[in-house]
PDB file of N, CA and C in Angstrom:
ATOM      1  N   MET A   1       0.807  -1.191   0.000  1.00  0.00           N
ATOM      2  CA  MET A   1       0.000   0.000   0.000  1.00  0.00           C
ATOM      3  C   MET A   1       0.856   1.263   0.000  1.00  0.00           C
ATOM      4  N   SER A   2       2.046   1.198   0.651  1.00  0.00           N
ATOM      5  CA  SER A   2       2.888   2.383   0.705  1.00  0.00           C
ATOM      6  C   SER A   2       3.333   2.837  -0.680  1.00  0.00           C
ATOM      7  N   TRP A   3       3.424   1.905  -1.620  1.00  0.00           N
ATOM      8  CA  TRP A   3       3.804   2.313  -2.987  1.00  0.00           C
ATOM      9  C   TRP A   3       2.740   3.196  -3.601  1.00  0.00           C
ATOM     10  N   ALA A   4       1.435   2.961  -3.241  1.00  0.00           N
ATOM     11  CA  ALA A   4       0.360   3.789  -3.777  1.00  0.00           C
ATOM     12  C   ALA A   4       0.423   5.186  -3.187  1.00  0.00           C
ATOM     13  N   VAL A   5       0.842   5.270  -1.938  1.00  0.00           N
ATOM     14  CA  VAL A   5       0.950   6.562  -1.276  1.00  0.00           C
ATOM     15  C   VAL A   5       2.060   7.380  -1.926  1.00  0.00           C
ATOM     16  N   GLU A   6       3.129   6.717  -2.319  1.00  0.00           N
ATOM     17  CA  GLU A   6       4.272   7.397  -2.909  1.00  0.00           C
ATOM     18  C   GLU A   6       4.083   7.671  -4.407  1.00  0.00           C
ATOM     19  N   GLU A   7       3.105   7.036  -5.027  1.00  0.00           N
ATOM     20  CA  GLU A   7       2.895   7.141  -6.470  1.00  0.00           C
ATOM     21  C   GLU A   7       2.648   8.575  -6.941  1.00  0.00           C
ATOM     22  N   TRP A   8       1.964   9.352  -6.176  1.00  0.00           N
ATOM     23  CA  TRP A   8       1.627  10.716  -6.589  1.00  0.00           C
ATOM     24  C   TRP A   8       2.857  11.621  -6.684  1.00  0.00           C
ATOM     25  N   LYS A   9       3.959  11.151  -6.050  1.00  0.00           N
ATOM     26  CA  LYS A   9       5.167  11.963  -6.047  1.00  0.00           C
ATOM     27  C   LYS A   9       6.026  11.746  -7.309  1.00  0.00           C
ATOM     28  N   GLU A  10       5.676  10.751  -8.086  1.00  0.00           N
ATOM     29  CA  GLU A  10       6.473  10.445  -9.274  1.00  0.00           C
ATOM     30  C   GLU A  10       6.462  11.629 -10.235  1.00  0.00           C
ATOM     31  N   GLY A  11       7.620  11.898 -10.764  1.00  0.00           N
ATOM     32  CA  GLY A  11       7.747  12.949 -11.752  1.00  0.00           C
ATOM     33  C   GLY A  11       7.952  14.333 -11.161  1.00  0.00           C
ATOM     34  N   LEU A  12       7.963  14.431  -9.833  1.00  0.00           N
ATOM     35  CA  LEU A  12       8.199  15.738  -9.219  1.00  0.00           C
ATOM     36  C   LEU A  12       9.698  16.022  -9.175  1.00  0.00           C
ATOM     37  N   SER A  13      10.022  17.300  -9.173  1.00  0.00           N
ATOM     38  CA  SER A  13      11.433  17.680  -9.161  1.00  0.00           C
ATOM     39  C   SER A  13      12.042  17.348  -7.803  1.00  0.00           C
ATOM     40  N   PRO A  14      13.370  17.128  -7.775  1.00  0.00           N
ATOM     41  CA  PRO A  14      14.027  16.804  -6.506  1.00  0.00           C
ATOM     42  C   PRO A  14      13.821  17.895  -5.445  1.00  0.00           C
ATOM     43  N   ARG A  15      13.768  19.121  -5.879  1.00  0.00           N
ATOM     44  CA  ARG A  15      13.557  20.220  -4.927  1.00  0.00           C
ATOM     45  C   ARG A  15      12.177  20.118  -4.291  1.00  0.00           C
ATOM     46  N   VAL A  16      11.157  19.835  -5.104  1.00  0.00           N
ATOM     47  CA  VAL A  16       9.792  19.686  -4.595  1.00  0.00           C
ATOM     48  C   VAL A  16       9.706  18.463  -3.693  1.00  0.00           C
ATOM     49  N   LEU A  17      10.365  17.355  -4.090  1.00  0.00           N
ATOM     50  CA  LEU A  17      10.384  16.143  -3.257  1.00  0.00           C
ATOM     51  C   LEU A  17      11.041  16.422  -1.906  1.00  0.00           C
ATOM     52  N   GLN A  18      12.121  17.202  -1.942  1.00  0.00           N
ATOM     53  CA  GLN A  18      12.801  17.575  -0.687  1.00  0.00           C
ATOM     54  C   GLN A  18      11.853  18.374   0.211  1.00  0.00           C
ATOM     55  N   LYS A  19      11.132  19.305  -0.382  1.00  0.00           N
ATOM     56  CA  LYS A  19      10.200  20.129   0.394  1.00  0.00           C
ATOM     57  C   LYS A  19       9.073  19.268   0.964  1.00  0.00           C
ATOM     58  N   ILE A  20       8.570  18.312   0.124  1.00  0.00           N
ATOM     59  CA  ILE A  20       7.511  17.399   0.607  1.00  0.00           C
ATOM     60  C   ILE A  20       8.033  16.573   1.779  1.00  0.00           C
ATOM     61  N   HIS A  21       9.255  16.092   1.659  1.00  0.00           N
ATOM     62  CA  HIS A  21       9.856  15.307   2.744  1.00  0.00           C
ATOM     63  C   HIS A  21       9.972  16.150   4.020  1.00  0.00           C
ATOM     64  N   GLU A  22      10.403  17.386   3.876  1.00  0.00           N
ATOM     65  CA  GLU A  22      10.510  18.285   5.038  1.00  0.00           C
ATOM     66  C   GLU A  22       9.142  18.510   5.680  1.00  0.00           C
ATOM     67  N   LEU A  23       8.137  18.718   4.819  1.00  0.00           N
ATOM     68  CA  LEU A  23       6.786  18.943   5.347  1.00  0.00           C
ATOM     69  C   LEU A  23       6.242  17.693   6.039  1.00  0.00           C
ATOM     70  N   GLU A  24       6.504  16.524   5.465  1.00  0.00           N
ATOM     71  CA  GLU A  24       6.051  15.273   6.101  1.00  0.00           C
ATOM     72  C   GLU A  24       6.753  15.067   7.444  1.00  0.00           C
ATOM     73  N   SER A  25       8.064  15.378   7.484  1.00  0.00           N
ATOM     74  CA  SER A  25       8.802  15.268   8.754  1.00  0.00           C
ATOM     75  C   SER A  25       8.220  16.224   9.791  1.00  0.00           C
ATOM     76  N   GLN A  26       7.913  17.435   9.331  1.00  0.00           N
ATOM     77  CA  GLN A  26       7.335  18.430  10.240  1.00  0.00           C
ATOM     78  C   GLN A  26       5.967  17.958  10.753  1.00  0.00           C
ATOM     79  N   VAL A  27       5.163  17.356   9.852  1.00  0.00           N
ATOM     80  CA  VAL A  27       3.851  16.830  10.267  1.00  0.00           C
ATOM     81  C   VAL A  27       4.038  15.734  11.307  1.00  0.00           C
ATOM     82  N   ASP A  28       5.005  14.833  11.084  1.00  0.00           N
ATOM     83  CA  ASP A  28       5.264  13.759  12.060  1.00  0.00           C
ATOM     84  C   ASP A  28       5.677  14.342  13.411  1.00  0.00           C
ATOM     85  N   LYS A  29       6.576  15.338  13.378  1.00  0.00           N
ATOM     86  CA  LYS A  29       7.003  15.976  14.629  1.00  0.00           C
ATOM     87  C   LYS A  29       5.817  16.622  15.342  1.00  0.00           C
ATOM     88  N   LEU A  30       4.984  17.302  14.572  1.00  0.00           N
ATOM     89  CA  LEU A  30       3.821  17.962  15.174  1.00  0.00           C
ATOM     90  C   LEU A  30       2.835  16.948  15.752  1.00  0.00           C
ATOM     91  N   LYS A  31       2.684  15.799  15.057  1.00  0.00           N
ATOM     92  CA  LYS A  31       1.801  14.748  15.588  1.00  0.00           C
ATOM     93  C   LYS A  31       2.337  14.224  16.915  1.00  0.00           C
ATOM     94  N   LYS A  32       3.663  13.974  16.963  1.00  0.00           N
ATOM     95  CA  LYS A  32       4.266  13.490  18.212  1.00  0.00           C
ATOM     96  C   LYS A  32       4.120  14.530  19.324  1.00  0.00           C
ATOM     97  N   GLU A  33       4.364  15.783  18.979  1.00  0.00           N
ATOM     98  CA  GLU A  33       4.235  16.860  19.967  1.00  0.00           C
ATOM     99  C   GLU A  33       2.795  16.959  20.466  1.00  0.00           C
ATOM    100  N   ARG A  34       1.853  16.822  19.530  1.00  0.00           N
ATOM    101  CA  ARG A  34       0.438  16.866  19.901  1.00  0.00           C
ATOM    102  C   ARG A  34       0.092  15.718  20.856  1.00  0.00           C
ATOM    103  N   GLN A  35       0.621  14.519  20.560  1.00  0.00           N
ATOM    104  CA  GLN A  35       0.379  13.372  21.438  1.00  0.00           C
ATOM    105  C   GLN A  35       0.955  13.624  22.828  1.00  0.00           C
ATOM    106  N   GLN A  36       2.173  14.187  22.866  1.00  0.00           N
ATOM    107  CA  GLN A  36       2.786  14.482  24.158  1.00  0.00           C
ATOM    108  C   GLN A  36       1.968  15.512  24.936  1.00  0.00           C
ATOM    109  N   ARG A  37       1.526  16.529  24.244  1.00  0.00           N
ATOM    110  CA  ARG A  37       0.730  17.566  24.910  1.00  0.00           C
ATOM    111  C   ARG A  37      -0.619  17.013  25.365  1.00  0.00           C
ATOM    112  N   GLN A  38      -1.188  16.123  24.544  1.00  0.00           N
ATOM    113  CA  GLN A  38      -2.454  15.493  24.937  1.00  0.00           C
ATOM    114  C   GLN A  38      -2.261  14.668  26.210  1.00  0.00           C
ATOM    115  N   PHE A  39      -1.140  13.929  26.258  1.00  0.00           N
ATOM    116  CA  PHE A  39      -0.833  13.142  27.449  1.00  0.00           C
ATOM    117  C   PHE A  39      -0.631  14.062  28.656  1.00  0.00           C
ATOM    118  N   GLN A  40       0.109  15.173  28.460  1.00  0.00           N
ATOM    119  CA  GLN A  40       0.311  16.128  29.551  1.00  0.00           C
ATOM    120  C   GLN A  40      -1.015  16.706  30.015  1.00  0.00           C
ATOM    121  N   LEU A  41      -1.867  17.034  29.062  1.00  0.00           N
ATOM    122  CA  LEU A  41      -3.180  17.589  29.403  1.00  0.00           C
ATOM    123  C   LEU A  41      -3.993  16.595  30.213  1.00  0.00           C
ATOM    124  N   GLU A  42      -3.996  15.345  29.777  1.00  0.00           N
ATOM    125  CA  GLU A  42      -4.743  14.319  30.505  1.00  0.00           C
ATOM    126  C   GLU A  42      -4.177  14.125  31.902  1.00  0.00           C
ATOM    127  N   SER A  43      -2.841  14.150  32.007  1.00  0.00           N
ATOM    128  CA  SER A  43      -2.202  14.011  33.325  1.00  0.00           C
ATOM    129  C   SER A  43      -2.581  15.179  34.229  1.00  0.00           C
ATOM    130  N   LEU A  44      -2.526  16.382  33.679  1.00  0.00           N
ATOM    131  CA  LEU A  44      -2.878  17.563  34.467  1.00  0.00           C
ATOM    132  C   LEU A  44      -4.352  17.550  34.870  1.00  0.00           C
ATOM    133  N   GLU A  45      -5.203  17.074  33.979  1.00  0.00           N
ATOM    134  CA  GLU A  45      -6.623  16.973  34.323  1.00  0.00           C
ATOM    135  C   GLU A  45      -6.837  15.975  35.452  1.00  0.00           C
ATOM    136  N   ALA A  46      -6.079  14.860  35.420  1.00  0.00           N
ATOM    137  CA  ALA A  46      -6.180  13.872  36.505  1.00  0.00           C
ATOM    138  C   ALA A  46      -5.719  14.477  37.827  1.00  0.00           C
ATOM    139  N   VAL A  47      -4.614  15.222  37.778  1.00  0.00           N
ATOM    140  CA  VAL A  47      -4.109  15.877  38.989  1.00  0.00           C
ATOM    141  C   VAL A  47      -5.125  16.903  39.490  1.00  0.00           C
ATOM    142  N   LEU A  48      -5.711  17.652  38.562  1.00  0.00           N
ATOM    143  CA  LEU A  48      -6.725  18.645  38.935  1.00  0.00           C
ATOM    144  C   LEU A  48      -7.914  17.970  39.614  1.00  0.00           C
ATOM    145  N   GLN A  49      -8.353  16.855  39.069  1.00  0.00           N
ATOM    146  CA  GLN A  49      -9.480  16.132  39.676  1.00  0.00           C
ATOM    147  C   GLN A  49      -9.139  15.677  41.092  1.00  0.00           C
ATOM    148  N   LYS A  50      -7.907  15.177  41.267  1.00  0.00           N
ATOM    149  CA  LYS A  50      -7.481  14.758  42.605  1.00  0.00           C
ATOM    150  C   LYS A  50      -7.472  15.944  43.564  1.00  0.00           C
ATOM    151  N   GLN A  51      -6.974  17.077  43.087  1.00  0.00           N
ATOM    152  CA  GLN A  51      -6.939  18.270  43.933  1.00  0.00           C
ATOM    153  C   GLN A  51      -8.346  18.747  44.274  1.00  0.00           C
ATOM    154  N   LYS A  52      -9.239  18.699  43.288  1.00  0.00           N
ATOM    155  CA  LYS A  52     -10.630  19.089  43.556  1.00  0.00           C
ATOM    156  C   LYS A  52     -11.243  18.169  44.597  1.00  0.00           C
ATOM    157  N   GLN A  53     -10.954  16.862  44.494  1.00  0.00           N
ATOM    158  CA  GLN A  53     -11.475  15.902  45.469  1.00  0.00           C
ATOM    159  C   GLN A  53     -10.915  16.197  46.862  1.00  0.00           C
ATOM    160  N   LYS A  54      -9.620  16.522  46.918  1.00  0.00           N
ATOM    161  CA  LYS A  54      -9.011  16.863  48.209  1.00  0.00           C
ATOM    162  C   LYS A  54      -9.677  18.103  48.801  1.00  0.00           C
ATOM    163  N   VAL A  55      -9.888  19.109  47.961  1.00  0.00           N
ATOM    164  CA  VAL A  55     -10.538  20.341  48.425  1.00  0.00           C
ATOM    165  C   VAL A  55     -11.932  20.025  48.940  1.00  0.00           C
ATOM    166  N   GLU A  56     -12.665  19.213  48.207  1.00  0.00           N
ATOM    167  CA  GLU A  56     -14.026  18.840  48.628  1.00  0.00           C
ATOM    168  C   GLU A  56     -13.993  18.090  49.955  1.00  0.00           C
ATOM    169  N   ASN A  57     -13.034  17.177  50.090  1.00  0.00           N
ATOM    170  CA  ASN A  57     -12.898  16.435  51.351  1.00  0.00           C
ATOM    171  C   ASN A  57     -12.572  17.375  52.504  1.00  0.00           C
ATOM    172  N   GLU A  58     -11.686  18.326  52.257  1.00  0.00           N
ATOM    173  CA  GLU A  58     -11.331  19.290  53.305  1.00  0.00           C
ATOM    174  C   GLU A  58     -12.521  20.180  53.664  1.00  0.00           C
ATOM    175  N   LYS A  59     -13.301  20.552  52.663  1.00  0.00           N
ATOM    176  CA  LYS A  59     -14.507  21.347  52.943  1.00  0.00           C
ATOM    177  C   LYS A  59     -15.469  20.547  53.811  1.00  0.00           C
ATOM    178  N   ASN A  60     -15.619  19.265  53.489  1.00  0.00           N
ATOM    179  CA  ASN A  60     -16.507  18.415  54.286  1.00  0.00           C
ATOM    180  C   ASN A  60     -15.994  18.278  55.718  1.00  0.00           C
ATOM    181  N   LYS A  61     -14.672  18.090  55.843  1.00  0.00           N
ATOM    182  CA  LYS A  61     -14.090  17.995  57.186  1.00  0.00           C
ATOM    183  C   LYS A  61     -14.310  19.294  57.955  1.00  0.00           C
ATOM    184  N   ALA A  62     -14.101  20.421  57.272  1.00  0.00           N
ATOM    185  CA  ALA A  62     -14.276  21.723  57.925  1.00  0.00           C
ATOM    186  C   ALA A  62     -15.724  21.910  58.366  1.00  0.00           C
ATOM    187  N   ALA A  63     -16.661  21.497  57.514  1.00  0.00           N
ATOM    188  CA  ALA A  63     -18.077  21.626  57.874  1.00  0.00           C
ATOM    189  C   ALA A  63     -18.399  20.734  59.069  1.00  0.00           C
ATOM    190  N   THR A  64     -17.848  19.531  59.075  1.00  0.00           N
ATOM    191  CA  THR A  64     -18.073  18.616  60.200  1.00  0.00           C
ATOM    192  C   THR A  64     -17.490  19.197  61.479  1.00  0.00           C
ATOM    193  N   LEU A  65     -16.277  19.731  61.395  1.00  0.00           N
ATOM    194  CA  LEU A  65     -15.654  20.330  62.572  1.00  0.00           C
ATOM    195  C   LEU A  65     -16.425  21.557  63.046  1.00  0.00           C
ATOM    196  N   LYS A  66     -16.951  22.318  62.102  1.00  0.00           N
ATOM    197  CA  LYS A  66     -17.733  23.499  62.471  1.00  0.00           C
ATOM    198  C   LYS A  66     -18.997  23.080  63.224  1.00  0.00           C
ATOM    199  N   ARG A  67     -19.670  22.038  62.709  1.00  0.00           N
ATOM    200  CA  ARG A  67     -20.871  21.548  63.407  1.00  0.00           C
ATOM    201  C   ARG A  67     -20.517  21.010  64.792  1.00  0.00           C
ATOM    202  N   GLU A  68     -19.411  20.272  64.863  1.00  0.00           N
ATOM    203  CA  GLU A  68     -18.983  19.727  66.149  1.00  0.00           C
ATOM    204  C   GLU A  68     -18.638  20.856  67.118  1.00  0.00           C
ATOM    205  N   ASN A  69     -17.961  21.870  66.614  1.00  0.00           N
ATOM    206  CA  ASN A  69     -17.615  23.023  67.443  1.00  0.00           C
ATOM    207  C   ASN A  69     -18.877  23.716  67.956  1.00  0.00           C
ATOM    208  N   GLN A  70     -19.851  23.899  67.080  1.00  0.00           N
ATOM    209  CA  GLN A  70     -21.115  24.528  67.473  1.00  0.00           C
ATOM    210  C   GLN A  70     -21.804  23.698  68.561  1.00  0.00           C
ATOM    211  N   SER A  71     -21.795  22.383  68.358  1.00  0.00           N
ATOM    212  CA  SER A  71     -22.412  21.491  69.343  1.00  0.00           C
ATOM    213  C   SER A  71     -21.702  21.606  70.685  1.00  0.00           C
ATOM    214  N   LEU A  72     -20.365  21.636  70.658  1.00  0.00           N
ATOM    215  CA  LEU A  72     -19.599  21.763  71.900  1.00  0.00           C
ATOM    216  C   LEU A  72     -19.833  23.114  72.579  1.00  0.00           C
ATOM    217  N   MET A  73     -19.960  24.163  71.779  1.00  0.00           N
ATOM    218  CA  MET A  73     -20.241  25.479  72.352  1.00  0.00           C
ATOM    219  C   MET A  73     -21.608  25.485  73.039  1.00  0.00           C
ATOM    220  N   GLU A  74     -22.586  24.855  72.390  1.00  0.00           N
ATOM    221  CA  GLU A  74     -23.916  24.774  73.003  1.00  0.00           C
ATOM    222  C   GLU A  74     -23.867  23.963  74.288  1.00  0.00           C
ATOM    223  N   LEU A  75     -23.089  22.869  74.274  1.00  0.00           N
ATOM    224  CA  LEU A  75     -22.939  22.051  75.468  1.00  0.00           C
ATOM    225  C   LEU A  75     -22.266  22.848  76.583  1.00  0.00           C
ATOM    226  N   CYS A  76     -21.243  23.623  76.243  1.00  0.00           N
ATOM    227  CA  CYS A  76     -20.562  24.470  77.241  1.00  0.00           C
ATOM    228  C   CYS A  76     -21.532  25.490  77.840  1.00  0.00           C
ATOM    229  N   ASP A  77     -22.334  26.110  76.978  1.00  0.00           N
ATOM    230  CA  ASP A  77     -23.332  27.070  77.466  1.00  0.00           C
ATOM    231  C   ASP A  77     -24.305  26.394  78.419  1.00  0.00           C
ATOM    232  N   SER A  78     -24.740  25.216  78.032  1.00  0.00           N
ATOM    233  CA  SER A  78     -25.686  24.468  78.874  1.00  0.00           C
ATOM    234  C   SER A  78     -25.048  24.118  80.216  1.00  0.00           C
ATOM    235  N   LEU A  79     -23.797  23.668  80.178  1.00  0.00           N
ATOM    236  CA  LEU A  79     -23.102  23.329  81.419  1.00  0.00           C
ATOM    237  C   LEU A  79     -22.869  24.571  82.285  1.00  0.00           C
ATOM    238  N   GLU A  80     -22.573  25.695  81.663  1.00  0.00           N
ATOM    239  CA  GLU A  80     -22.373  26.943  82.410  1.00  0.00           C
ATOM    240  C   GLU A  80     -23.668  27.353  83.104  1.00  0.00           C
ATOM    241  N   LYS A  81     -24.777  27.237  82.393  1.00  0.00           N
ATOM    242  CA  LYS A  81     -26.074  27.570  83.016  1.00  0.00           C
ATOM    243  C   LYS A  81     -26.380  26.619  84.169  1.00  0.00           C
ATOM    244  N   ALA A  82     -26.091  25.328  83.977  1.00  0.00           N
ATOM    245  CA  ALA A  82     -26.323  24.353  85.048  1.00  0.00           C
ATOM    246  C   ALA A  82     -25.437  24.669  86.250  1.00  0.00           C
ATOM    247  N   LYS A  83     -24.176  25.052  85.983  1.00  0.00           N
ATOM    248  CA  LYS A  83     -23.255  25.408  87.061  1.00  0.00           C
ATOM    249  C   LYS A  83     -23.777  26.614  87.837  1.00  0.00           C
ATOM    250  N   GLN A  84     -24.257  27.635  87.105  1.00  0.00           N
ATOM    251  CA  GLN A  84     -24.798  28.818  87.769  1.00  0.00           C
ATOM    252  C   GLN A  84     -26.016  28.470  88.617  1.00  0.00           C
ATOM    253  N   LYS A  85     -26.869  27.602  88.105  1.00  0.00           N
ATOM    254  CA  LYS A  85     -28.070  27.197  88.858  1.00  0.00           C
ATOM    255  C   LYS A  85     -27.667  26.446  90.124  1.00  0.00           C
ATOM    256  N   ILE A  86     -26.709  25.517  89.991  1.00  0.00           N
ATOM    257  CA  ILE A  86     -26.248  24.744  91.148  1.00  0.00           C
ATOM    258  C   ILE A  86     -25.593  25.673  92.166  1.00  0.00           C
ATOM    259  N   SER A  87     -24.800  26.627  91.670  1.00  0.00           N
ATOM    260  CA  SER A  87     -24.146  27.584  92.563  1.00  0.00           C
ATOM    261  C   SER A  87     -25.199  28.408  93.322  1.00  0.00           C
ATOM    262  N   HIS A  88     -26.206  28.831  92.613  1.00  0.00           N
ATOM    263  CA  HIS A  88     -27.288  29.590  93.254  1.00  0.00           C
ATOM    264  C   HIS A  88     -28.007  28.726  94.287  1.00  0.00           C
ATOM    265  N   ASP A  89     -28.326  27.486  93.907  1.00  0.00           N
ATOM    266  CA  ASP A  89     -28.985  26.566  94.843  1.00  0.00           C
ATOM    267  C   ASP A  89     -28.121  26.349  96.084  1.00  0.00           C
ATOM    268  N   LEU A  90     -26.801  26.228  95.899  1.00  0.00           N
ATOM    269  CA  LEU A  90     -25.889  26.040  97.016  1.00  0.00           C
ATOM    270  C   LEU A  90     -25.916  27.251  97.945  1.00  0.00           C
ATOM    271  N   GLN A  91     -25.913  28.444  97.352  1.00  0.00           N
ATOM    272  CA  GLN A  91     -25.975  29.658  98.174  1.00  0.00           C
ATOM    273  C   GLN A  91     -27.270  29.698  98.980  1.00  0.00           C
ATOM    274  N   VAL A  92     -28.379  29.331  98.333  1.00  0.00           N
ATOM    275  CA  VAL A  92     -29.672  29.319  99.035  1.00  0.00           C
ATOM    276  C   VAL A  92     -29.618  28.331 100.189  1.00  0.00           C
ATOM    277  N   LYS A  93     -29.072  27.132  99.923  1.00  0.00           N
ATOM    278  CA  LYS A  93     -29.011  26.110 100.976  1.00  0.00           C
ATOM    279  C   LYS A  93     -28.069  26.528 102.100  1.00  0.00           C
ATOM    280  N   GLU A  94     -26.934  27.151 101.749  1.00  0.00           N
ATOM    281  CA  GLU A  94     -26.022  27.645 102.782  1.00  0.00           C
ATOM    282  C   GLU A  94     -26.709  28.703 103.635  1.00  0.00           C
ATOM    283  N   SER A  95     -27.478  29.557 102.975  1.00  0.00           N
ATOM    284  CA  SER A  95     -28.219  30.581 103.705  1.00  0.00           C
ATOM    285  C   SER A  95     -29.221  29.925 104.647  1.00  0.00           C
ATOM    286  N   GLN A  96     -29.919  28.895 104.144  1.00  0.00           N
ATOM    287  CA  GLN A  96     -30.895  28.182 104.996  1.00  0.00           C
ATOM    288  C   GLN A  96     -30.194  27.497 106.164  1.00  0.00           C
ATOM    289  N   VAL A  97     -29.016  26.909 105.896  1.00  0.00           N
ATOM    290  CA  VAL A  97     -28.254  26.256 106.966  1.00  0.00           C
ATOM    291  C   VAL A  97     -27.846  27.295 108.014  1.00  0.00           C
ATOM    292  N   ASN A  98     -27.408  28.458 107.559  1.00  0.00           N
ATOM    293  CA  ASN A  98     -27.004  29.506 108.495  1.00  0.00           C
ATOM    294  C   ASN A  98     -28.200  29.965 109.336  1.00  0.00           C
ATOM    295  N   ILE A  99     -29.350  30.120 108.692  1.00  0.00           N
ATOM    296  CA  ILE A  99     -30.556  30.518 109.428  1.00  0.00           C
ATOM    297  C   ILE A  99     -30.907  29.457 110.465  1.00  0.00           C
ATOM    298  N   GLN A 100     -30.893  28.190 110.018  1.00  0.00           N
ATOM    299  CA  GLN A 100     -31.240  27.109 110.940  1.00  0.00           C
ATOM    300  C   GLN A 100     -30.206  26.964 112.045  1.00  0.00           C
ATOM    301  N   SER A 101     -28.939  27.206 111.708  1.00  0.00           N
ATOM    302  CA  SER A 101     -27.895  27.158 112.721  1.00  0.00           C
ATOM    303  C   SER A 101     -28.133  28.256 113.761  1.00  0.00           C
ATOM    304  N   GLY A 102     -28.498  29.447 113.262  1.00  0.00           N
ATOM    305  CA  GLY A 102     -28.813  30.546 114.181  1.00  0.00           C
ATOM    306  C   GLY A 102     -30.015  30.194 115.040  1.00  0.00           C
ATOM    307  N   GLN A 103     -31.038  29.579 114.424  1.00  0.00           N
ATOM    308  CA  GLN A 103     -32.225  29.177 115.193  1.00  0.00           C
ATOM    309  C   GLN A 103     -31.845  28.105 116.219  1.00  0.00           C
ATOM    310  N   LEU A 104     -30.970  27.188 115.827  1.00  0.00           N
ATOM    311  CA  LEU A 104     -30.529  26.137 116.743  1.00  0.00           C
ATOM    312  C   LEU A 104     -29.802  26.740 117.938  1.00  0.00           C
ATOM    313  N   ASN A 105     -28.895  27.678 117.663  1.00  0.00           N
ATOM    314  CA  ASN A 105     -28.175  28.335 118.758  1.00  0.00           C
ATOM    315  C   ASN A 105     -29.142  29.089 119.663  1.00  0.00           C
ATOM    316  N   SER A 106     -30.094  29.758 119.022  1.00  0.00           N
ATOM    317  CA  SER A 106     -31.096  30.482 119.807  1.00  0.00           C
ATOM    318  C   SER A 106     -31.903  29.507 120.667  1.00  0.00           C
ATOM    319  N   SER A 107     -32.288  28.384 120.072  1.00  0.00           N
ATOM    320  CA  SER A 107     -33.062  27.374 120.810  1.00  0.00           C
ATOM    321  C   SER A 107     -32.234  26.797 121.953  1.00  0.00           C
ATOM    322  N   LYS A 108     -30.939  26.561 121.708  1.00  0.00           N
ATOM    323  CA  LYS A 108     -30.065  26.033 122.759  1.00  0.00           C
ATOM    324  C   LYS A 108     -29.999  27.018 123.934  1.00  0.00           C
ATOM    325  N   LYS A 109     -29.882  28.310 123.596  1.00  0.00           N
ATOM    326  CA  LYS A 109     -29.830  29.316 124.645  1.00  0.00           C
ATOM    327  C   LYS A 109     -31.147  29.343 125.425  1.00  0.00           C
ATOM    328  N   ASP A 110     -32.248  29.235 124.642  1.00  0.00           N
ATOM    329  CA  ASP A 110     -33.555  29.207 125.303  1.00  0.00           C
ATOM    330  C   ASP A 110     -33.655  27.999 126.230  1.00  0.00           C
ATOM    331  N   ILE A 111     -33.196  26.847 125.761  1.00  0.00           N
ATOM    332  CA  ILE A 111     -33.249  25.625 126.578  1.00  0.00           C
ATOM    333  C   ILE A 111     -32.382  25.795 127.814  1.00  0.00           C
ATOM    334  N   GLU A 112     -31.198  26.322 127.655  1.00  0.00           N
ATOM    335  CA  GLU A 112     -30.310  26.537 128.791  1.00  0.00           C
ATOM    336  C   GLU A 112     -30.962  27.490 129.792  1.00  0.00           C
ATOM    337  N   ARG A 113     -31.559  28.551 129.280  1.00  0.00           N
ATOM    338  CA  ARG A 113     -32.214  29.515 130.145  1.00  0.00           C
ATOM    339  C   ARG A 113     -33.371  28.838 130.885  1.00  0.00           C
ATOM    340  N   LEU A 114     -34.165  28.051 130.147  1.00  0.00           N
ATOM    341  CA  LEU A 114     -35.284  27.368 130.773  1.00  0.00           C
ATOM    342  C   LEU A 114     -34.790  26.339 131.796  1.00  0.00           C
ATOM    343  N   GLU A 115     -33.700  25.644 131.491  1.00  0.00           N
ATOM    344  CA  GLU A 115     -33.151  24.681 132.426  1.00  0.00           C
ATOM    345  C   GLU A 115     -32.691  25.387 133.707  1.00  0.00           C
ATOM    346  N   GLN A 116     -32.091  26.595 133.512  1.00  0.00           N
ATOM    347  CA  GLN A 116     -31.651  27.386 134.654  1.00  0.00           C
ATOM    348  C   GLN A 116     -32.842  27.788 135.517  1.00  0.00           C
ATOM    349  N   GLU A 117     -33.927  28.164 134.852  1.00  0.00           N
ATOM    350  CA  GLU A 117     -35.118  28.563 135.570  1.00  0.00           C
ATOM    351  C   GLU A 117     -35.730  27.388 136.328  1.00  0.00           C
ATOM    352  N   LEU A 118     -35.682  26.226 135.682  1.00  0.00           N
ATOM    353  CA  LEU A 118     -36.225  25.031 136.313  1.00  0.00           C
ATOM    354  C   LEU A 118     -35.412  24.647 137.550  1.00  0.00           C
ATOM    355  N   LYS A 119     -34.130  24.824 137.467  1.00  0.00           N
ATOM    356  CA  LYS A 119     -33.274  24.488 138.585  1.00  0.00           C
ATOM    357  C   LYS A 119     -33.532  25.397 139.773  1.00  0.00           C
ATOM    358  N   ARG A 120     -33.990  26.585 139.571  1.00  0.00           N
ATOM    359  CA  ARG A 120     -34.210  27.528 140.650  1.00  0.00           C
ATOM    360  C   ARG A 120     -35.421  27.213 141.375  1.00  0.00           C
TER     361      ARG A 120
END
């Protein structure tokens, strides 16, 4: 089949044949260069896809961490409110204990006084 491809060149001058050969060589070089660039493009597209996937994964991680952080902040707020309530309850109970302690001391004094009166 290659003889049929070369048949059209018969009868051409050596200068024209030389130019055709140069052009064919240039076409071959350009085809190889195109293949190399196509391969580079495909490689770069694959790398880009991997990077996009990494970015997407990082965005998902960031969103998850943000939700977790929000949840922890809400939990901290809830615990702080519970702590304040317990602290307030403790103050109330301490106040009640102090009142009852004062009443107990007063009652003890009353009992002592009454015992003194009884002894007389």
